[in-house]
Amino acid sequence: TTFLSAQAQMQGNMYVGGQIGFNT
């Protein structure tokens, strides 16, 4: 897991993400 997570910021890698919020 540590080795694979270390690759996350390497050239060619991609991600999807974002934020969602609600307040009333």
PDB file of all heavy atoms in Angstrom:
ATOM      1  N   THR A   1       0.827  -1.204   0.000  1.00  0.00           N
ATOM      2  CA  THR A   1       0.000   0.000   0.000  1.00  0.00           C
ATOM      3  C   THR A   1       0.859   1.251   0.000  1.00  0.00           C
ATOM      4  O   THR A   1       0.599   2.220  -0.708  1.00  0.00           O
ATOM      5  CB  THR A   1      -0.932   0.006   1.223  1.00  0.00           C
ATOM      6  OG1 THR A   1      -1.787  -1.127   1.163  1.00  0.00           O
ATOM      7  CG2 THR A   1      -1.766   1.277   1.271  1.00  0.00           C
ATOM      8  N   THR A   2       1.909   1.256   0.815  1.00  0.00           N
ATOM      9  CA  THR A   2       2.810   2.404   0.881  1.00  0.00           C
ATOM     10  C   THR A   2       3.491   2.637  -0.453  1.00  0.00           C
ATOM     11  O   THR A   2       3.600   3.765  -0.929  1.00  0.00           O
ATOM     12  CB  THR A   2       3.878   2.194   1.979  1.00  0.00           C
ATOM     13  OG1 THR A   2       3.211   2.003   3.225  1.00  0.00           O
ATOM     14  CG2 THR A   2       4.807   3.389   2.063  1.00  0.00           C
ATOM     15  N   PHE A   3       3.949   1.538  -1.115  1.00  0.00           N
ATOM     16  CA  PHE A   3       4.625   1.678  -2.398  1.00  0.00           C
ATOM     17  C   PHE A   3       3.690   2.233  -3.450  1.00  0.00           C
ATOM     18  O   PHE A   3       4.025   3.141  -4.190  1.00  0.00           O
ATOM     19  CB  PHE A   3       5.176   0.325  -2.848  1.00  0.00           C
ATOM     20  CG  PHE A   3       5.794   0.373  -4.217  1.00  0.00           C
ATOM     21  CD1 PHE A   3       7.050   0.908  -4.408  1.00  0.00           C
ATOM     22  CD2 PHE A   3       5.097  -0.108  -5.325  1.00  0.00           C
ATOM     23  CE1 PHE A   3       7.614   0.965  -5.667  1.00  0.00           C
ATOM     24  CE2 PHE A   3       5.657  -0.057  -6.584  1.00  0.00           C
ATOM     25  CZ  PHE A   3       6.919   0.472  -6.764  1.00  0.00           C
ATOM     26  N   LEU A   4       2.468   1.689  -3.493  1.00  0.00           N
ATOM     27  CA  LEU A   4       1.517   2.138  -4.501  1.00  0.00           C
ATOM     28  C   LEU A   4       1.066   3.561  -4.256  1.00  0.00           C
ATOM     29  O   LEU A   4       0.888   4.340  -5.182  1.00  0.00           O
ATOM     30  CB  LEU A   4       0.311   1.192  -4.520  1.00  0.00           C
ATOM     31  CG  LEU A   4       0.590  -0.211  -5.069  1.00  0.00           C
ATOM     32  CD1 LEU A   4      -0.615  -1.114  -4.842  1.00  0.00           C
ATOM     33  CD2 LEU A   4       0.948  -0.157  -6.550  1.00  0.00           C
ATOM     34  N   SER A   5       0.872   3.947  -2.983  1.00  0.00           N
ATOM     35  CA  SER A   5       0.451   5.309  -2.699  1.00  0.00           C
ATOM     36  C   SER A   5       1.553   6.293  -3.036  1.00  0.00           C
ATOM     37  O   SER A   5       1.288   7.438  -3.361  1.00  0.00           O
ATOM     38  CB  SER A   5       0.051   5.449  -1.223  1.00  0.00           C
ATOM     39  OG  SER A   5       1.182   5.247  -0.380  1.00  0.00           O
ATOM     40  N   ALA A   6       2.793   5.832  -2.975  1.00  0.00           N
ATOM     41  CA  ALA A   6       3.896   6.718  -3.316  1.00  0.00           C
ATOM     42  C   ALA A   6       3.895   7.069  -4.794  1.00  0.00           C
ATOM     43  O   ALA A   6       4.488   8.065  -5.196  1.00  0.00           O
ATOM     44  CB  ALA A   6       5.224   6.053  -2.941  1.00  0.00           C
ATOM     45  N   GLN A   7       3.229   6.254  -5.603  1.00  0.00           N
ATOM     46  CA  GLN A   7       3.197   6.520  -7.022  1.00  0.00           C
ATOM     47  C   GLN A   7       2.141   7.558  -7.424  1.00  0.00           C
ATOM     48  O   GLN A   7       2.050   7.947  -8.581  1.00  0.00           O
ATOM     49  CB  GLN A   7       2.917   5.213  -7.788  1.00  0.00           C
ATOM     50  CG  GLN A   7       3.761   4.019  -7.342  1.00  0.00           C
ATOM     51  CD  GLN A   7       5.249   4.307  -7.363  1.00  0.00           C
ATOM     52  OE1 GLN A   7       5.786   4.717  -8.377  1.00  0.00           O
ATOM     53  NE2 GLN A   7       5.922   4.092  -6.235  1.00  0.00           N
ATOM     54  N   ALA A   8       1.298   7.951  -6.484  1.00  0.00           N
ATOM     55  CA  ALA A   8       0.141   8.783  -6.821  1.00  0.00           C
ATOM     56  C   ALA A   8       0.533  10.117  -7.434  1.00  0.00           C
ATOM     57  O   ALA A   8      -0.194  10.667  -8.254  1.00  0.00           O
ATOM     58  CB  ALA A   8      -0.715   9.012  -5.567  1.00  0.00           C
ATOM     59  N   GLN A   9       1.693  10.665  -7.052  1.00  0.00           N
ATOM     60  CA  GLN A   9       2.103  11.968  -7.554  1.00  0.00           C
ATOM     61  C   GLN A   9       3.118  11.872  -8.687  1.00  0.00           C
ATOM     62  O   GLN A   9       3.834  12.823  -8.973  1.00  0.00           O
ATOM     63  CB  GLN A   9       2.668  12.821  -6.400  1.00  0.00           C
ATOM     64  CG  GLN A   9       1.611  13.297  -5.412  1.00  0.00           C
ATOM     65  CD  GLN A   9       1.154  12.185  -4.493  1.00  0.00           C
ATOM     66  OE1 GLN A   9       1.920  11.317  -4.130  1.00  0.00           O
ATOM     67  NE2 GLN A   9      -0.109  12.218  -4.111  1.00  0.00           N
ATOM     68  N   MET A  10       3.199  10.719  -9.352  1.00  0.00           N
ATOM     69  CA  MET A  10       4.153  10.532 -10.431  1.00  0.00           C
ATOM     70  C   MET A  10       3.571  10.985 -11.768  1.00  0.00           C
ATOM     71  O   MET A  10       2.359  11.014 -11.960  1.00  0.00           O
ATOM     72  CB  MET A  10       4.584   9.061 -10.516  1.00  0.00           C
ATOM     73  CG  MET A  10       5.413   8.586  -9.342  1.00  0.00           C
ATOM     74  SD  MET A  10       6.040   6.904  -9.575  1.00  0.00           S
ATOM     75  CE  MET A  10       7.106   7.132 -10.994  1.00  0.00           C
ATOM     76  N   GLN A  11       4.463  11.330 -12.684  1.00  0.00           N
ATOM     77  CA  GLN A  11       4.056  11.788 -14.016  1.00  0.00           C
ATOM     78  C   GLN A  11       3.128  10.774 -14.679  1.00  0.00           C
ATOM     79  O   GLN A  11       3.350   9.569 -14.657  1.00  0.00           O
ATOM     80  CB  GLN A  11       5.290  12.005 -14.888  1.00  0.00           C
ATOM     81  CG  GLN A  11       4.973  12.477 -16.303  1.00  0.00           C
ATOM     82  CD  GLN A  11       6.222  12.670 -17.139  1.00  0.00           C
ATOM     83  OE1 GLN A  11       7.320  12.402 -16.672  1.00  0.00           O
ATOM     84  NE2 GLN A  11       6.054  13.148 -18.350  1.00  0.00           N
ATOM     85  N   GLY A  12       2.043  11.284 -15.270  1.00  0.00           N
ATOM     86  CA  GLY A  12       1.102  10.445 -15.979  1.00  0.00           C
ATOM     87  C   GLY A  12      -0.088   9.984 -15.164  1.00  0.00           C
ATOM     88  O   GLY A  12      -1.080   9.505 -15.726  1.00  0.00           O
ATOM     89  N   ASN A  13      -0.034  10.124 -13.838  1.00  0.00           N
ATOM     90  CA  ASN A  13      -1.159   9.702 -13.016  1.00  0.00           C
ATOM     91  C   ASN A  13      -2.289  10.728 -13.073  1.00  0.00           C
ATOM     92  O   ASN A  13      -2.068  11.915 -13.279  1.00  0.00           O
ATOM     93  CB  ASN A  13      -0.724   9.502 -11.570  1.00  0.00           C
ATOM     94  CG  ASN A  13       0.027   8.195 -11.377  1.00  0.00           C
ATOM     95  OD1 ASN A  13       0.169   7.409 -12.305  1.00  0.00           O
ATOM     96  ND2 ASN A  13       0.515   7.964 -10.176  1.00  0.00           N
ATOM     97  N   MET A  14      -3.513  10.228 -12.854  1.00  0.00           N
ATOM     98  CA  MET A  14      -4.694  11.087 -12.908  1.00  0.00           C
ATOM     99  C   MET A  14      -5.544  10.859 -11.663  1.00  0.00           C
ATOM    100  O   MET A  14      -5.395   9.851 -10.966  1.00  0.00           O
ATOM    101  CB  MET A  14      -5.527  10.774 -14.160  1.00  0.00           C
ATOM    102  CG  MET A  14      -4.812  11.003 -15.475  1.00  0.00           C
ATOM    103  SD  MET A  14      -5.880  10.610 -16.896  1.00  0.00           S
ATOM    104  CE  MET A  14      -7.184  11.849 -16.689  1.00  0.00           C
ATOM    105  N   TYR A  15      -6.448  11.793 -11.417  1.00  0.00           N
ATOM    106  CA  TYR A  15      -7.397  11.617 -10.330  1.00  0.00           C
ATOM    107  C   TYR A  15      -8.703  12.329 -10.678  1.00  0.00           C
ATOM    108  O   TYR A  15      -8.756  13.213 -11.523  1.00  0.00           O
ATOM    109  CB  TYR A  15      -6.851  12.157  -9.000  1.00  0.00           C
ATOM    110  CG  TYR A  15      -6.793  13.663  -8.912  1.00  0.00           C
ATOM    111  CD1 TYR A  15      -7.919  14.418  -8.570  1.00  0.00           C
ATOM    112  CD2 TYR A  15      -5.610  14.342  -9.174  1.00  0.00           C
ATOM    113  CE1 TYR A  15      -7.866  15.793  -8.500  1.00  0.00           C
ATOM    114  CE2 TYR A  15      -5.555  15.712  -9.112  1.00  0.00           C
ATOM    115  CZ  TYR A  15      -6.680  16.439  -8.761  1.00  0.00           C
ATOM    116  OH  TYR A  15      -6.624  17.811  -8.704  1.00  0.00           O
ATOM    117  N   VAL A  16      -9.752  11.919 -10.002  1.00  0.00           N
ATOM    118  CA  VAL A  16     -11.017  12.651 -10.001  1.00  0.00           C
ATOM    119  C   VAL A  16     -11.362  12.925  -8.546  1.00  0.00           C
ATOM    120  O   VAL A  16     -11.033  12.139  -7.649  1.00  0.00           O
ATOM    121  CB  VAL A  16     -12.155  11.863 -10.690  1.00  0.00           C
ATOM    122  CG1 VAL A  16     -11.911  11.743 -12.177  1.00  0.00           C
ATOM    123  CG2 VAL A  16     -12.326  10.486 -10.053  1.00  0.00           C
ATOM    124  N   GLY A  17     -12.004  14.023  -8.310  1.00  0.00           N
ATOM    125  CA  GLY A  17     -12.339  14.381  -6.938  1.00  0.00           C
ATOM    126  C   GLY A  17     -13.298  15.545  -6.922  1.00  0.00           C
ATOM    127  O   GLY A  17     -13.956  15.851  -7.920  1.00  0.00           O
ATOM    128  N   GLY A  18     -13.347  16.210  -5.795  1.00  0.00           N
ATOM    129  CA  GLY A  18     -14.202  17.375  -5.708  1.00  0.00           C
ATOM    130  C   GLY A  18     -14.704  17.637  -4.311  1.00  0.00           C
ATOM    131  O   GLY A  18     -14.265  17.012  -3.340  1.00  0.00           O
ATOM    132  N   GLN A  19     -15.629  18.576  -4.240  1.00  0.00           N
ATOM    133  CA  GLN A  19     -16.198  19.001  -2.973  1.00  0.00           C
ATOM    134  C   GLN A  19     -17.705  19.132  -3.116  1.00  0.00           C
ATOM    135  O   GLN A  19     -18.220  19.410  -4.195  1.00  0.00           O
ATOM    136  CB  GLN A  19     -15.621  20.360  -2.559  1.00  0.00           C
ATOM    137  CG  GLN A  19     -14.109  20.426  -2.529  1.00  0.00           C
ATOM    138  CD  GLN A  19     -13.626  21.834  -2.342  1.00  0.00           C
ATOM    139  OE1 GLN A  19     -13.913  22.472  -1.336  1.00  0.00           O
ATOM    140  NE2 GLN A  19     -12.890  22.344  -3.301  1.00  0.00           N
ATOM    141  N   ILE A  20     -18.396  18.935  -2.007  1.00  0.00           N
ATOM    142  CA  ILE A  20     -19.837  19.166  -1.969  1.00  0.00           C
ATOM    143  C   ILE A  20     -20.171  19.751  -0.604  1.00  0.00           C
ATOM    144  O   ILE A  20     -19.575  19.358   0.413  1.00  0.00           O
ATOM    145  CB  ILE A  20     -20.630  17.856  -2.221  1.00  0.00           C
ATOM    146  CG1 ILE A  20     -22.121  18.151  -2.317  1.00  0.00           C
ATOM    147  CG2 ILE A  20     -20.337  16.819  -1.156  1.00  0.00           C
ATOM    148  CD1 ILE A  20     -22.947  16.964  -2.790  1.00  0.00           C
ATOM    149  N   GLY A  21     -21.058  20.711  -0.598  1.00  0.00           N
ATOM    150  CA  GLY A  21     -21.393  21.357   0.666  1.00  0.00           C
ATOM    151  C   GLY A  21     -22.863  21.743   0.727  1.00  0.00           C
ATOM    152  O   GLY A  21     -23.494  22.026  -0.290  1.00  0.00           O
ATOM    153  N   PHE A  22     -23.410  21.719   1.931  1.00  0.00           N
ATOM    154  CA  PHE A  22     -24.797  22.120   2.146  1.00  0.00           C
ATOM    155  C   PHE A  22     -24.912  22.726   3.529  1.00  0.00           C
ATOM    156  O   PHE A  22     -24.358  22.203   4.500  1.00  0.00           O
ATOM    157  CB  PHE A  22     -25.747  20.918   2.030  1.00  0.00           C
ATOM    158  CG  PHE A  22     -27.184  21.270   2.309  1.00  0.00           C
ATOM    159  CD1 PHE A  22     -27.948  21.910   1.348  1.00  0.00           C
ATOM    160  CD2 PHE A  22     -27.755  20.967   3.539  1.00  0.00           C
ATOM    161  CE1 PHE A  22     -29.272  22.240   1.608  1.00  0.00           C
ATOM    162  CE2 PHE A  22     -29.069  21.294   3.803  1.00  0.00           C
ATOM    163  CZ  PHE A  22     -29.838  21.934   2.827  1.00  0.00           C
ATOM    164  N   ASN A  23     -25.615  23.841   3.615  1.00  0.00           N
ATOM    165  CA  ASN A  23     -25.814  24.493   4.897  1.00  0.00           C
ATOM    166  C   ASN A  23     -27.169  25.193   4.902  1.00  0.00           C
ATOM    167  O   ASN A  23     -27.549  25.832   3.925  1.00  0.00           O
ATOM    168  CB  ASN A  23     -24.708  25.520   5.146  1.00  0.00           C
ATOM    169  CG  ASN A  23     -24.902  26.241   6.472  1.00  0.00           C
ATOM    170  OD1 ASN A  23     -24.870  25.622   7.528  1.00  0.00           O
ATOM    171  ND2 ASN A  23     -25.122  27.538   6.417  1.00  0.00           N
ATOM    172  N   THR A  24     -27.882  25.039   5.985  1.00  0.00           N
ATOM    173  CA  THR A  24     -29.158  25.732   6.127  1.00  0.00           C
ATOM    174  C   THR A  24     -29.369  26.088   7.582  1.00  0.00           C
ATOM    175  O   THR A  24     -28.886  25.386   8.487  1.00  0.00           O
ATOM    176  CB  THR A  24     -30.332  24.865   5.621  1.00  0.00           C
ATOM    177  OG1 THR A  24     -31.542  25.634   5.687  1.00  0.00           O
ATOM    178  CG2 THR A  24     -30.487  23.607   6.454  1.00  0.00           C
TER     179      THR A  24
END
